[in-house]
Amino acid sequence: MRISILSLLFVFLLASCEKAVVVANSLETIEPYVISAVDISSFPEINLTNPVFYDRDSNQSGFLNVLKENGINTIRLRLWVNPDNEHSSFKEVKEFSKTLKAYGFKIWLTVHYSDTWADPSQQITPENWKNVGFGNLKDSTYHYTKKVVVAMQPDFIQIGNEINSGFMHPYGHISNNYSQFIELMDTAVNAVREHSMATEIILHFAGIDGSDWFYNQVSTIDYDIIGLSFYPKWHGKSIPALAYKMQQLSTYHFKSTVIAETAYPFTLGWNDWTNNIVGLDSHLILPDYPASPIGQSDFIIKIKSIAMDIKYARGFCYWGAELVAWKGDQATDGSPWENQALFNFNNRALPALEAFKLD
């Protein structure tokens, strides 16, 4: 009996090693390009106000042209199931995706599986999917994901957004309903795999702390890329810690990694009467990265260096590049992010945009 158990253990270890080699070899064949991305999900709404943007030389230029000229190759867009208005809806995102593809951008969809913002603080099941029973919820998840993939054929797709605690609560709460969480994730993943040979799947966790636990929980899911958010205000002031964690997760799980969200201010000032999310020195990494155009640029350069230098890292995405104060300087319901956009208070491209260019 002892020999039999040892033999079985040997076979198991051999199979595990062979699987590790196969996965590692597949990582070696990943396209060498780095994802140089921005999330501009609110641009369709902003564009309705007919804003004027300028390039680094103060020449009037189209917003998307400025992004393209500065080396950005991928656009990230959020998608809500049934939002209160048309913004981030299926229709808007589908139309905007077509426009972006015509410019030559790759498309990265972050499907929230919610009618509104989904993040670590809330994961609200779409209103029309509530109280339908778990079986029907799985059907809705599958058919909606299929609809998105078939219609838009994204290059990358996130199953949920910052799903630290799962998604579509309470059904898919990772701690309270783990088995249902896994079933819902598998359902969405299967919809992608069965309708696109090219789309890569990202699982997205906000921050560094707790990421080991989370990616252990999803180890049975068939996905391609580990995605982490990194905002100094919420996730710590150590960029080396981010680099270490990305390398550690990649090595342990045999997955490539991407910085799915990050941002940094070029000033602590404001351009409307809407409270900004980042506005204090305590939110910054000082003295290395002050809230200045150069400080913002240096921060992105450092983030890009991680995306290019860490083995199997795929790149990075800057969140809120478009979020200028588009409702005017008196708005109290305008942009809480205009001091972290990639355009200054005159809508001129900031030096940070040049950091997106790849060598």
Protein backbone atom coordinates (compact mmCIF):
# COMPACT_ATOMS: atom_id res chain seq x y z
CA MET A 1 0.00 0.00 0.00
CA ARG A 2 2.84 2.39 0.85
CA ILE A 3 4.44 1.83 -2.54
CA SER A 4 1.14 2.43 -4.23
CA ILE A 5 0.60 5.73 -2.41
CA LEU A 6 4.15 6.87 -3.17
CA SER A 7 3.66 5.92 -6.80
CA LEU A 8 0.47 7.90 -6.99
CA LEU A 9 2.17 10.87 -5.34
CA PHE A 10 5.01 10.66 -7.84
CA VAL A 11 2.57 10.59 -10.75
CA PHE A 12 0.70 13.58 -9.31
CA LEU A 13 3.88 15.59 -8.87
CA LEU A 14 5.08 14.67 -12.35
CA ALA A 15 1.75 15.75 -13.86
CA SER A 16 1.89 19.01 -11.91
CA CYS A 17 5.41 19.70 -13.14
CA GLU A 18 4.45 18.90 -16.73
CA LYS A 19 1.48 21.28 -16.43
CA ALA A 20 3.76 23.99 -15.03
CA VAL A 21 6.17 23.54 -17.95
CA VAL A 22 3.33 23.72 -20.48
CA VAL A 23 1.94 26.89 -18.91
CA ALA A 24 5.37 28.44 -18.59
CA ASN A 25 6.10 27.65 -22.22
CA SER A 26 2.81 29.25 -23.23
CA LEU A 27 3.78 32.37 -21.30
CA GLU A 28 7.05 32.47 -23.21
CA THR A 29 5.08 32.69 -26.47
CA ILE A 30 2.99 35.70 -25.38
CA GLU A 31 3.22 38.58 -27.82
CA PRO A 32 6.17 40.78 -26.87
CA TYR A 33 4.24 44.06 -27.06
CA VAL A 34 3.41 45.90 -23.85
CA ILE A 35 -0.17 47.04 -23.29
CA SER A 36 -0.02 50.82 -23.10
CA ALA A 37 -3.61 51.59 -22.17
CA VAL A 38 -5.92 54.26 -20.85
CA ASP A 39 -9.43 53.92 -19.51
CA ILE A 40 -11.60 56.62 -21.12
CA SER A 41 -15.02 55.20 -20.34
CA SER A 42 -16.59 58.63 -19.82
CA PHE A 43 -15.37 60.11 -23.08
CA PRO A 44 -18.63 59.52 -25.01
CA GLU A 45 -20.45 61.56 -22.36
CA ILE A 46 -17.76 64.23 -22.23
CA ASN A 47 -17.68 64.48 -26.01
CA LEU A 48 -21.34 65.52 -26.07
CA THR A 49 -20.21 68.89 -24.63
CA ASN A 50 -17.95 69.47 -27.66
CA PRO A 51 -14.73 70.03 -25.73
CA VAL A 52 -11.59 71.23 -27.49
CA PHE A 53 -8.33 69.40 -26.78
CA TYR A 54 -4.74 70.35 -27.56
CA ASP A 55 -1.57 68.37 -28.12
CA ARG A 56 1.72 68.99 -26.33
CA ASP A 57 2.56 71.81 -28.76
CA SER A 58 -0.76 73.57 -27.99
CA ASN A 59 -2.17 72.70 -31.40
CA GLN A 60 -5.90 71.93 -31.43
CA SER A 61 -6.29 68.21 -32.03
CA GLY A 62 -8.81 65.42 -31.69
CA PHE A 63 -8.72 63.68 -28.32
CA LEU A 64 -8.24 60.22 -29.80
CA ASN A 65 -5.58 61.52 -32.17
CA VAL A 66 -3.56 62.80 -29.22
CA LEU A 67 -3.77 59.42 -27.52
CA LYS A 68 -2.73 57.57 -30.67
CA GLU A 69 0.16 59.92 -31.40
CA ASN A 70 1.54 59.33 -27.92
CA GLY A 71 1.79 55.58 -28.29
CA ILE A 72 -1.35 54.43 -26.50
CA ASN A 73 -2.37 51.16 -28.14
CA THR A 74 -5.26 49.89 -26.01
CA ILE A 75 -8.45 51.49 -24.69
CA ARG A 76 -10.24 50.16 -21.62
CA LEU A 77 -14.01 50.66 -21.33
CA ARG A 78 -16.45 49.81 -18.55
CA LEU A 79 -19.73 48.14 -19.40
CA TRP A 80 -22.88 48.26 -17.27
CA VAL A 81 -25.83 45.94 -17.86
CA ASN A 82 -28.76 48.37 -17.64
CA PRO A 83 -27.58 51.81 -16.47
CA ASP A 84 -29.91 54.71 -15.63
CA ASN A 85 -28.90 56.47 -18.85
CA GLU A 86 -27.13 55.50 -22.04
CA HIS A 87 -23.61 55.95 -20.70
CA SER A 88 -21.54 52.77 -20.33
CA SER A 89 -24.49 50.89 -21.81
CA PHE A 90 -24.14 48.03 -24.28
CA LYS A 91 -25.18 50.31 -27.15
CA GLU A 92 -22.77 53.11 -26.29
CA VAL A 93 -19.81 50.83 -25.66
CA LYS A 94 -20.46 48.85 -28.85
CA GLU A 95 -20.55 52.03 -30.96
CA PHE A 96 -17.52 53.53 -29.25
CA SER A 97 -15.60 50.27 -29.67
CA LYS A 98 -16.14 50.46 -33.43
CA THR A 99 -14.75 53.97 -33.50
CA LEU A 100 -11.74 52.98 -31.45
CA LYS A 101 -10.99 49.96 -33.61
CA ALA A 102 -11.05 52.23 -36.67
CA TYR A 103 -8.25 54.19 -35.02
CA GLY A 104 -6.28 50.98 -34.55
CA PHE A 105 -6.73 50.62 -30.79
CA LYS A 106 -7.13 47.25 -29.11
CA ILE A 107 -10.23 46.97 -26.92
CA TRP A 108 -10.23 46.02 -23.26
CA LEU A 109 -13.71 45.64 -21.77
CA THR A 110 -14.31 45.68 -18.05
CA VAL A 111 -17.70 44.05 -17.62
CA HIS A 112 -19.07 45.06 -14.21
CA TYR A 113 -22.03 42.65 -14.18
CA SER A 114 -23.94 45.45 -12.50
CA ASP A 115 -26.10 48.42 -13.51
CA THR A 116 -23.66 50.77 -11.81
CA TRP A 117 -20.15 50.97 -10.35
CA ALA A 118 -18.74 47.67 -9.16
CA ASP A 119 -15.68 47.78 -6.91
CA PRO A 120 -14.55 46.43 -3.52
CA SER A 121 -17.19 48.55 -1.76
CA GLN A 122 -20.15 47.30 -3.81
CA GLN A 123 -21.01 44.50 -6.22
CA ILE A 124 -24.71 44.98 -6.93
CA THR A 125 -26.51 42.38 -9.04
CA PRO A 126 -28.28 43.94 -12.06
CA GLU A 127 -31.85 44.86 -11.11
CA ASN A 128 -33.43 42.65 -13.78
CA TRP A 129 -31.36 39.67 -12.62
CA LYS A 130 -32.35 39.87 -8.96
CA ASN A 131 -34.74 37.32 -7.46
CA VAL A 132 -34.73 35.16 -10.59
CA GLY A 133 -33.19 32.11 -8.95
CA PHE A 134 -29.57 31.01 -9.25
CA GLY A 135 -30.11 28.88 -12.34
CA ASN A 136 -31.67 31.77 -14.24
CA LEU A 137 -28.90 34.08 -13.01
CA LYS A 138 -26.33 31.74 -14.54
CA ASP A 139 -28.27 31.74 -17.82
CA SER A 140 -28.39 35.55 -17.83
CA THR A 141 -24.66 35.71 -17.10
CA TYR A 142 -23.85 33.34 -19.95
CA HIS A 143 -26.07 34.93 -22.58
CA TYR A 144 -25.06 38.49 -21.66
CA THR A 145 -21.37 37.63 -21.80
CA LYS A 146 -21.89 35.86 -25.12
CA LYS A 147 -23.73 38.90 -26.47
CA VAL A 148 -20.86 41.20 -25.49
CA VAL A 149 -18.14 38.97 -26.94
CA VAL A 150 -19.93 38.27 -30.22
CA ALA A 151 -20.88 41.91 -30.79
CA MET A 152 -17.61 43.58 -29.80
CA GLN A 153 -14.90 40.89 -30.10
CA PRO A 154 -12.70 42.52 -27.46
CA ASP A 155 -9.01 41.78 -27.28
CA PHE A 156 -9.25 41.64 -23.49
CA ILE A 157 -12.21 41.16 -21.18
CA GLN A 158 -12.49 41.40 -17.42
CA ILE A 159 -14.96 39.14 -15.70
CA GLY A 160 -16.12 41.68 -13.15
CA ASN A 161 -14.32 44.75 -11.85
CA GLU A 162 -12.14 44.76 -8.73
CA ILE A 163 -13.80 41.58 -7.54
CA ASN A 164 -11.98 41.32 -4.20
CA SER A 165 -15.17 40.04 -2.55
CA GLY A 166 -16.68 38.43 -5.63
CA PHE A 167 -19.41 39.88 -7.84
CA MET A 168 -23.19 39.99 -8.15
CA HIS A 169 -23.78 39.92 -4.41
CA PRO A 170 -25.16 38.07 -2.57
CA TYR A 171 -25.17 35.24 -5.13
CA GLY A 172 -21.49 35.49 -6.05
CA HIS A 173 -20.00 36.59 -2.74
CA ILE A 174 -16.62 34.92 -2.61
CA SER A 175 -16.65 34.29 1.15
CA ASN A 176 -20.34 33.72 1.81
CA ASN A 177 -21.25 31.80 -1.37
CA TYR A 178 -17.95 30.50 -2.70
CA SER A 179 -19.35 27.64 -4.77
CA GLN A 180 -21.86 29.96 -6.45
CA PHE A 181 -19.11 32.51 -7.07
CA ILE A 182 -17.05 29.88 -8.87
CA GLU A 183 -20.07 28.70 -10.87
CA LEU A 184 -20.85 32.24 -12.03
CA MET A 185 -17.22 32.87 -12.93
CA ASP A 186 -17.00 29.60 -14.87
CA THR A 187 -20.23 30.45 -16.67
CA ALA A 188 -18.91 33.83 -17.83
CA VAL A 189 -15.52 32.36 -18.78
CA ASN A 190 -17.17 29.59 -20.80
CA ALA A 191 -19.20 32.16 -22.72
CA VAL A 192 -15.97 33.91 -23.69
CA ARG A 193 -14.04 30.75 -24.60
CA GLU A 194 -16.88 29.34 -26.68
CA HIS A 195 -17.31 32.49 -28.78
CA SER A 196 -13.83 33.93 -29.18
CA MET A 197 -10.52 32.23 -29.81
CA ALA A 198 -8.56 35.45 -29.37
CA THR A 199 -10.04 37.29 -26.39
CA GLU A 200 -7.85 37.11 -23.29
CA ILE A 201 -9.54 36.97 -19.90
CA ILE A 202 -8.44 39.17 -16.99
CA LEU A 203 -9.36 38.70 -13.33
CA HIS A 204 -9.02 42.00 -11.51
CA PHE A 205 -8.14 42.58 -7.85
CA ALA A 206 -7.86 46.02 -6.25
CA GLY A 207 -4.58 46.49 -4.44
CA ILE A 208 -1.73 44.33 -3.22
CA ASP A 209 -2.74 43.22 0.26
CA GLY A 210 -4.98 40.18 0.04
CA SER A 211 -4.09 39.41 -3.56
CA ASP A 212 -2.38 36.12 -2.64
CA TRP A 213 -5.56 34.92 -0.95
CA PHE A 214 -7.77 36.05 -3.82
CA TYR A 215 -5.80 34.42 -6.63
CA ASN A 216 -5.62 31.21 -4.62
CA GLN A 217 -9.43 31.29 -4.46
CA VAL A 218 -9.73 31.54 -8.26
CA SER A 219 -7.02 29.01 -9.08
CA THR A 220 -9.53 26.69 -10.76
CA ILE A 221 -10.81 29.39 -13.12
CA ASP A 222 -9.64 29.34 -16.74
CA TYR A 223 -8.26 32.85 -17.17
CA ASP A 224 -5.19 34.40 -18.76
CA ILE A 225 -4.05 37.55 -16.95
CA ILE A 226 -3.77 38.70 -13.35
CA GLY A 227 -4.87 42.34 -13.08
CA LEU A 228 -4.08 44.59 -10.10
CA SER A 229 -5.18 48.11 -9.25
CA PHE A 230 -2.55 50.39 -7.72
CA TYR A 231 -3.54 53.78 -6.33
CA PRO A 232 -1.12 55.18 -3.71
CA LYS A 233 -3.99 56.71 -1.72
CA TRP A 234 -5.54 53.28 -1.11
CA HIS A 235 -2.92 50.65 -1.87
CA GLY A 236 0.28 51.91 -0.28
CA LYS A 237 3.18 54.10 -1.30
CA SER A 238 5.64 51.39 -2.37
CA ILE A 239 6.02 50.85 -6.10
CA PRO A 240 8.72 48.21 -5.43
CA ALA A 241 6.11 46.29 -3.38
CA LEU A 242 3.81 46.36 -6.42
CA ALA A 243 6.60 45.02 -8.64
CA TYR A 244 7.42 42.28 -6.15
CA LYS A 245 3.80 41.21 -5.84
CA MET A 246 3.28 41.09 -9.60
CA GLN A 247 6.35 38.88 -10.01
CA GLN A 248 5.36 36.68 -7.09
CA LEU A 249 1.79 36.13 -8.35
CA SER A 250 2.97 35.48 -11.89
CA THR A 251 5.54 32.92 -10.78
CA TYR A 252 3.20 31.11 -8.42
CA HIS A 253 0.14 30.99 -10.67
CA PHE A 254 1.89 30.79 -14.08
CA LYS A 255 -0.06 33.80 -15.35
CA SER A 256 0.96 37.04 -17.00
CA THR A 257 0.17 40.23 -15.07
CA VAL A 258 -1.07 43.71 -15.85
CA ILE A 259 -1.55 46.89 -13.84
CA ALA A 260 -5.26 47.23 -14.58
CA GLU A 261 -5.77 50.64 -12.97
CA THR A 262 -3.51 53.41 -11.73
CA ALA A 263 -3.44 57.21 -11.71
CA TYR A 264 -1.54 60.15 -10.23
CA PRO A 265 -2.19 63.91 -9.91
CA PHE A 266 -0.37 66.67 -11.77
CA THR A 267 -1.63 69.18 -9.18
CA LEU A 268 -3.55 69.25 -5.92
CA GLY A 269 -5.62 72.12 -7.30
CA TRP A 270 -9.06 71.87 -8.86
CA ASN A 271 -10.88 73.16 -11.93
CA ASP A 272 -14.49 72.91 -10.77
CA TRP A 273 -16.37 72.86 -7.46
CA THR A 274 -16.58 69.09 -7.28
CA ASN A 275 -14.52 67.56 -4.48
CA ASN A 276 -11.50 65.73 -5.84
CA ILE A 277 -10.64 62.23 -4.69
CA VAL A 278 -6.93 63.01 -4.37
CA GLY A 279 -6.13 66.38 -2.83
CA LEU A 280 -3.68 65.99 0.06
CA ASP A 281 0.06 65.48 0.39
CA SER A 282 -0.72 62.33 2.38
CA HIS A 283 -2.16 60.83 -0.82
CA LEU A 284 1.18 61.17 -2.62
CA ILE A 285 4.48 59.31 -2.81
CA LEU A 286 6.82 62.01 -1.57
CA PRO A 287 9.40 63.27 -2.22
CA ASP A 288 9.86 61.18 -5.37
CA TYR A 289 6.56 62.01 -7.05
CA PRO A 290 5.18 65.46 -6.23
CA ALA A 291 1.77 66.58 -7.53
CA SER A 292 3.17 68.30 -10.60
CA PRO A 293 3.24 67.61 -14.33
CA ILE A 294 6.74 66.16 -13.99
CA GLY A 295 5.79 64.20 -10.88
CA GLN A 296 2.86 62.65 -12.70
CA SER A 297 5.05 61.83 -15.69
CA ASP A 298 7.78 60.29 -13.52
CA PHE A 299 5.17 58.14 -11.77
CA ILE A 300 3.91 56.75 -15.09
CA ILE A 301 7.46 56.19 -16.33
CA LYS A 302 8.14 54.12 -13.23
CA ILE A 303 4.90 52.16 -13.63
CA LYS A 304 5.77 51.52 -17.28
CA SER A 305 9.22 50.27 -16.31
CA ILE A 306 7.58 47.61 -14.14
CA ALA A 307 5.28 46.64 -16.98
CA MET A 308 8.24 46.22 -19.31
CA ASP A 309 10.88 44.76 -17.00
CA ILE A 310 9.04 42.19 -14.88
CA LYS A 311 8.97 38.79 -16.52
CA TYR A 312 5.55 38.00 -18.00
CA ALA A 313 4.17 41.46 -17.22
CA ARG A 314 1.89 42.55 -20.05
CA GLY A 315 1.59 46.28 -19.43
CA PHE A 316 -0.47 48.88 -17.64
CA CYS A 317 -3.63 50.97 -17.87
CA TYR A 318 -4.14 54.53 -16.65
CA TRP A 319 -7.61 55.23 -15.30
CA GLY A 320 -9.49 58.49 -15.97
CA ALA A 321 -7.29 59.94 -18.68
CA GLU A 322 -10.28 61.86 -20.07
CA LEU A 323 -11.83 63.16 -16.86
CA VAL A 324 -11.32 66.88 -17.33
CA ALA A 325 -13.81 69.30 -15.72
CA TRP A 326 -16.21 68.97 -18.63
CA LYS A 327 -19.25 70.38 -16.86
CA GLY A 328 -17.62 73.77 -16.33
CA ASP A 329 -15.67 75.44 -13.56
CA GLN A 330 -18.76 76.03 -11.39
CA ALA A 331 -20.04 72.45 -11.42
CA THR A 332 -20.57 70.72 -8.10
CA ASP A 333 -21.38 67.45 -9.87
CA GLY A 334 -18.50 67.51 -12.32
CA SER A 335 -15.20 65.67 -12.30
CA PRO A 336 -13.60 64.49 -9.05
CA TRP A 337 -10.58 63.47 -11.13
CA GLU A 338 -9.59 66.49 -13.24
CA ASN A 339 -6.29 66.85 -11.37
CA GLN A 340 -5.42 63.26 -12.37
CA ALA A 341 -6.46 63.47 -16.02
CA LEU A 342 -3.80 63.41 -18.74
CA PHE A 343 -4.82 66.88 -19.91
CA ASN A 344 -4.34 70.05 -17.89
CA PHE A 345 -7.01 72.57 -16.89
CA ASN A 346 -6.82 74.08 -20.40
CA ASN A 347 -7.28 70.62 -21.99
CA ARG A 348 -3.69 70.59 -23.19
CA ALA A 349 -1.87 67.25 -23.23
CA LEU A 350 0.41 66.85 -20.23
CA PRO A 351 4.01 65.58 -20.32
CA ALA A 352 2.79 62.32 -18.81
CA LEU A 353 1.25 61.34 -22.15
CA GLU A 354 4.70 61.04 -23.68
CA ALA A 355 5.51 58.37 -21.11
CA PHE A 356 3.07 55.99 -22.85
CA LYS A 357 5.32 55.72 -25.89
CA LEU A 358 6.99 52.34 -26.10
CA ASP A 359 10.61 51.88 -27.16
